Protein backbone atom coordinates (compact mmCIF):
# COMPACT_ATOMS: atom_id res chain seq x y z
CA UNK A 1 9.78 19.03 15.70
CA UNK A 2 7.75 17.33 18.43
CA UNK A 3 7.55 19.40 21.32
CA UNK A 4 7.25 16.42 23.58
CA UNK A 5 10.26 14.29 22.33
CA UNK A 6 12.11 16.87 20.31
CA UNK A 7 12.32 14.60 17.16
CA UNK A 8 12.10 16.15 13.67
CA UNK A 9 8.95 14.51 12.19
CA UNK A 10 5.47 15.19 12.52
CA UNK A 11 4.18 14.27 16.13
CA UNK A 12 1.50 11.60 16.19
CA UNK A 13 1.05 12.26 20.01
CA UNK A 14 -2.74 13.25 20.05
CA UNK A 15 -2.42 15.02 23.44
CA UNK A 16 -2.26 14.59 27.28
CA UNK A 17 -3.53 11.36 28.56
CA UNK A 18 -2.42 9.55 25.34
CA UNK A 19 1.05 8.61 26.41
CA UNK A 20 2.54 5.21 25.68
CA UNK A 21 3.19 3.44 28.73
CA UNK A 22 5.80 0.65 29.42
CA UNK A 23 8.25 1.87 26.66
CA UNK A 24 11.35 3.46 27.07
CA UNK A 25 12.01 6.98 25.54
CA UNK A 26 14.07 5.46 22.71
CA UNK A 27 11.48 2.81 21.97
CA UNK A 28 8.73 5.49 21.87
CA UNK A 29 10.71 7.56 19.55
CA UNK A 30 11.20 4.38 17.25
CA UNK A 31 7.58 3.59 17.38
CA UNK A 32 6.78 7.42 16.36
CA UNK A 33 9.15 7.20 13.55
CA UNK A 34 7.65 4.00 12.18
CA UNK A 35 4.13 5.37 12.54
CA UNK A 36 5.19 8.42 10.74
CA UNK A 37 6.80 6.50 7.99
CA UNK A 38 3.71 4.27 7.44
CA UNK A 39 1.69 7.23 7.21
CA UNK A 40 3.87 8.95 4.78
CA UNK A 41 3.77 5.69 2.72
CA UNK A 42 0.06 5.36 3.07
CA UNK A 43 -0.47 9.11 1.97
CA UNK A 44 1.93 8.53 -1.13
CA UNK A 45 0.13 5.47 -2.14
CA UNK A 46 -3.14 7.35 -1.95
CA UNK A 47 -1.61 10.07 -4.26
CA UNK A 48 -0.48 7.54 -6.77
CA UNK A 49 -3.84 5.85 -6.71
CA UNK A 50 -5.58 9.15 -7.54
CA UNK A 51 -3.05 9.79 -10.31
CA UNK A 52 -3.72 6.49 -11.78
CA UNK A 53 -7.45 7.04 -11.57
CA UNK A 54 -7.14 10.38 -13.05
CA UNK A 55 -4.72 8.98 -15.85
CA UNK A 56 -7.25 5.99 -16.64
CA UNK A 57 -10.16 7.96 -15.78
CA UNK A 58 -13.05 6.00 -14.07
CA UNK A 59 -13.69 4.00 -17.37
CA UNK A 60 -14.98 0.51 -16.35
CA UNK A 61 -13.89 -0.63 -19.98
CA UNK A 62 -10.19 0.14 -19.15
CA UNK A 63 -10.34 -1.52 -15.70
CA UNK A 64 -11.90 -4.49 -17.39
CA UNK A 65 -9.39 -4.79 -20.10
CA UNK A 66 -6.70 -4.60 -17.52
CA UNK A 67 -8.20 -7.25 -15.43
CA UNK A 68 -8.85 -9.45 -18.52
CA UNK A 69 -5.00 -9.11 -19.33
CA UNK A 70 -4.25 -10.28 -15.97
CA UNK A 71 -6.73 -13.12 -15.77
CA UNK A 72 -6.34 -14.07 -19.23
CA UNK A 73 -10.13 -14.74 -19.68
CA UNK A 74 -10.78 -16.28 -16.27
CA UNK A 75 -12.82 -14.93 -13.31
CA UNK A 76 -9.78 -14.14 -11.35
CA UNK A 77 -6.06 -13.99 -11.32
CA UNK A 78 -3.31 -15.29 -9.15
CA UNK A 79 0.09 -13.69 -7.83
CA UNK A 80 2.00 -15.74 -10.59
CA UNK A 81 -0.47 -14.14 -13.13
CA UNK A 82 0.58 -10.66 -11.84
CA UNK A 83 4.12 -11.63 -11.99
CA UNK A 84 3.88 -12.86 -15.57
CA UNK A 85 2.01 -9.62 -16.53
CA UNK A 86 4.44 -7.30 -15.09
CA UNK A 87 7.40 -9.39 -16.56
CA UNK A 88 5.52 -9.04 -20.08
CA UNK A 89 5.33 -5.22 -19.69
CA UNK A 90 8.94 -5.19 -18.66
CA UNK A 91 8.06 -3.65 -15.08
CA UNK A 92 10.43 -4.84 -12.52
CA UNK A 93 9.23 -4.96 -8.85
CA UNK A 94 11.12 -6.36 -6.02
CA UNK A 95 9.79 -9.51 -4.31
CA UNK A 96 8.85 -7.44 -1.14
CA UNK A 97 6.98 -4.92 -3.35
CA UNK A 98 5.23 -7.42 -5.34
CA UNK A 99 4.06 -9.10 -2.24
CA UNK A 100 2.87 -5.68 -0.78
CA UNK A 101 0.84 -5.15 -4.12
CA UNK A 102 -0.63 -8.40 -3.93
CA UNK A 103 -1.70 -8.07 -0.34
CA UNK A 104 -3.31 -4.70 -1.23
CA UNK A 105 -5.74 -6.44 -3.62
CA UNK A 106 -5.99 -9.87 -2.48
CA UNK A 107 -8.81 -10.12 -0.09
CA UNK A 108 -7.78 -11.41 3.45
CA UNK A 109 -4.75 -13.20 2.26
CA UNK A 110 -6.66 -15.16 -0.69
CA UNK A 111 -4.79 -16.66 -3.33
CA UNK A 112 -6.78 -15.14 -5.99
CA UNK A 113 -8.36 -11.67 -6.94
CA UNK A 114 -11.48 -11.08 -8.55
CA UNK A 115 -12.90 -8.18 -10.58
CA UNK A 116 -14.83 -6.85 -7.63
CA UNK A 117 -11.48 -6.88 -5.55
C-alpha cells in the first residue's frame, strides 16, 4: 500500500514536491485509483498486442489480408466496416469497447483507417 495515503494499489506519487494541490484527500485518492486503473488497462492492452503479434508473426501478408477483409478492397475502412467484420466473425463487442478499439486505430478522430494506420 501507499505509504503516503495508505491505499492498497501501486502508488503513482513520484516523490516529495509532486503533491496534487487543490484536491481533497478523497479526490486525490480517487484520482490515483483512476490513474492506476488506466495504467493497468494500458499494460494489459500492450500484453494483448504483443500476444497477437506473436500469434500472427510480423507477416505483412497476414496484416494485408486482414486489412483487405475489413476494407473490402478499398484503401481504407470505416467504423461500420469494422462492425460488419466483427459481426461476420461472430465476435461480440459492446458499443463502448468497439468505440475504444476504433479510437485506437483511427488517427485523430478520423472517419476512416488506412493500411498505414
